[in-house]
Amino acid sequence: MGLWGWLTGVKTADKAMDTINNVTDHVASGLDKLFFTDQEKAQISIETAQLHLKFIELTLNESSIRSITRRVLAWAIMTVFLSLLVISAGVWKFDAEWARFIFNCASQTYELVLLVAFFYFGYFAVSSVVKKAKE
């Protein structure tokens, strides 16, 4: 049978048709993956949102090194800013020019201080208010 199939080429033709069908299926599958339907887009959006929420849960851990670093930086920035304000107020009585210089140094950092206050301290203030409102 093997010799007869080899001579007539029936088995070879069947293999060729199977190969052509497999290639066609793979090409169609690849083309289908290039274009998303609305349902596929919605599914990917849901999966992306779930991964994003999982990332937020993992990074909001209070004992992570990233959180500790954020806390140290926030306190350092606020301490420097408030120290400059207090020093400029104290120096003003003795030398108004130096007080203006120190105050200008503090005013150069106010955008950074606002960002820290809003994103670091503001989050905990809002979350505590929301937590108490839920209770």
Protein backbone atom coordinates (compact mmCIF):
# COMPACT_ATOMS: atom_id res chain seq x y z
CA MET A 1 0.00 0.00 0.00
CA GLY A 2 2.86 2.38 0.78
CA LEU A 3 4.42 1.78 -2.62
CA TRP A 4 1.10 2.16 -4.39
CA GLY A 5 0.35 5.40 -2.50
CA TRP A 6 3.79 6.70 -3.34
CA LEU A 7 3.33 5.88 -7.00
CA THR A 8 -0.13 7.39 -7.25
CA GLY A 9 0.66 10.34 -4.96
CA VAL A 10 -2.67 10.09 -3.10
CA LYS A 11 -1.12 10.24 0.36
CA THR A 12 1.20 13.09 -0.63
CA ALA A 13 -1.74 15.08 -1.96
CA ASP A 14 -3.63 14.53 1.30
CA LYS A 15 -0.62 15.77 3.28
CA ALA A 16 -0.33 18.80 1.03
CA MET A 17 -4.03 19.63 1.53
CA ASP A 18 -3.62 19.26 5.32
CA THR A 19 -0.61 21.57 5.24
CA ILE A 20 -2.48 24.13 3.14
CA ASN A 21 -5.46 23.97 5.52
CA ASN A 22 -3.19 24.45 8.55
CA VAL A 23 -1.42 27.42 6.95
CA THR A 24 -4.76 28.97 5.99
CA ASP A 25 -6.09 28.52 9.52
CA HIS A 26 -3.00 30.12 11.04
CA VAL A 27 -3.08 33.06 8.62
CA ALA A 28 -6.80 33.63 9.26
CA SER A 29 -6.24 33.40 13.00
CA GLY A 30 -3.37 35.91 12.78
CA LEU A 31 -5.45 38.34 10.72
CA ASP A 32 -8.34 37.96 13.14
CA LYS A 33 -6.04 38.91 16.03
CA LEU A 34 -4.99 42.11 14.25
CA PHE A 35 -8.51 43.56 14.39
CA PHE A 36 -10.38 43.74 17.70
CA THR A 37 -14.12 43.63 17.93
CA ASP A 38 -15.90 45.91 20.40
CA GLN A 39 -16.42 42.95 22.72
CA GLU A 40 -12.71 42.07 22.63
CA LYS A 41 -11.79 45.71 23.29
CA ALA A 42 -14.15 45.79 26.27
CA GLN A 43 -12.70 42.53 27.62
CA ILE A 44 -9.14 43.86 27.34
CA SER A 45 -10.19 47.11 29.04
CA ILE A 46 -11.67 45.13 31.93
CA GLU A 47 -8.52 43.00 32.26
CA THR A 48 -6.32 46.11 32.13
CA ALA A 49 -8.39 47.81 34.82
CA GLN A 50 -8.18 44.72 37.02
CA LEU A 51 -4.39 44.58 36.62
CA HIS A 52 -4.16 48.30 37.39
CA LEU A 53 -6.21 47.86 40.58
CA LYS A 54 -4.04 44.92 41.62
CA PHE A 55 -0.94 47.10 41.05
CA ILE A 56 -2.42 49.85 43.21
CA GLU A 57 -3.24 47.37 45.97
CA LEU A 58 0.32 46.07 45.96
CA THR A 59 1.96 49.50 45.93
CA LEU A 60 -0.23 51.01 48.65
CA ASN A 61 1.16 48.66 51.24
CA GLU A 62 2.36 50.88 54.10
CA SER A 63 5.40 48.79 54.93
CA SER A 64 6.87 48.53 51.44
CA ILE A 65 10.22 50.21 50.82
CA ARG A 66 8.59 52.42 48.19
CA SER A 67 6.02 53.65 50.69
CA ILE A 68 8.65 54.31 53.34
CA THR A 69 10.73 56.27 50.82
CA ARG A 70 7.68 58.31 49.82
CA ARG A 71 6.97 59.06 53.46
CA VAL A 72 10.55 60.18 54.20
CA LEU A 73 10.66 62.39 51.09
CA ALA A 74 7.30 63.97 51.87
CA TRP A 75 8.28 64.82 55.41
CA ALA A 76 11.70 66.12 54.31
CA ILE A 77 10.21 68.40 51.65
CA MET A 78 7.59 69.78 54.01
CA THR A 79 10.15 70.24 56.81
CA VAL A 80 12.54 72.19 54.57
CA PHE A 81 9.73 74.40 53.26
CA LEU A 82 8.29 75.20 56.67
CA SER A 83 11.77 75.73 58.15
CA LEU A 84 12.57 78.26 55.43
CA LEU A 85 9.35 80.12 56.18
CA VAL A 86 10.00 80.20 59.93
CA ILE A 87 13.63 81.24 59.48
CA SER A 88 12.67 84.03 57.07
CA ALA A 89 10.14 85.31 59.59
CA GLY A 90 12.75 85.19 62.37
CA VAL A 91 15.48 86.86 60.32
CA TRP A 92 13.17 89.65 59.12
CA LYS A 93 13.47 91.51 62.42
CA PHE A 94 17.27 91.68 62.02
CA ASP A 95 17.83 91.88 58.24
CA ALA A 96 14.93 92.33 55.82
CA GLU A 97 17.11 91.63 52.76
CA TRP A 98 18.16 88.21 54.07
CA ALA A 99 14.57 87.48 55.05
CA ARG A 100 13.45 88.24 51.46
CA PHE A 101 16.19 85.97 50.09
CA ILE A 102 15.19 83.07 52.37
CA PHE A 103 11.52 83.61 51.55
CA ASN A 104 12.34 83.56 47.82
CA CYS A 105 14.14 80.26 48.34
CA ALA A 106 11.02 78.89 50.01
CA SER A 107 8.80 80.25 47.23
CA GLN A 108 10.86 78.34 44.64
CA THR A 109 9.67 75.07 46.17
CA TYR A 110 5.97 75.86 46.63
CA GLU A 111 4.87 73.79 43.58
CA LEU A 112 6.69 70.77 44.92
CA VAL A 113 5.19 71.35 48.36
CA LEU A 114 1.68 71.61 46.89
CA LEU A 115 2.14 68.36 44.98
CA VAL A 116 3.40 66.56 48.07
CA ALA A 117 0.61 67.98 50.21
CA PHE A 118 -2.04 67.03 47.69
CA PHE A 119 -0.86 63.56 46.68
CA TYR A 120 0.64 62.37 49.94
CA PHE A 121 -1.14 64.06 52.81
CA GLY A 122 -4.36 64.75 50.89
CA TYR A 123 -4.92 61.08 50.07
CA PHE A 124 -4.82 60.04 53.71
CA ALA A 125 -7.02 62.95 54.78
CA VAL A 126 -9.66 62.15 52.17
CA SER A 127 -9.52 58.40 52.84
CA SER A 128 -9.99 58.95 56.59
CA VAL A 129 -12.98 61.24 55.94
CA VAL A 130 -14.51 58.67 53.58
CA LYS A 131 -13.88 55.88 56.08
CA LYS A 132 -15.60 57.83 58.85
CA ALA A 133 -18.48 58.73 56.54
CA LYS A 134 -19.02 55.04 55.74
CA GLU A 135 -19.20 54.20 59.44
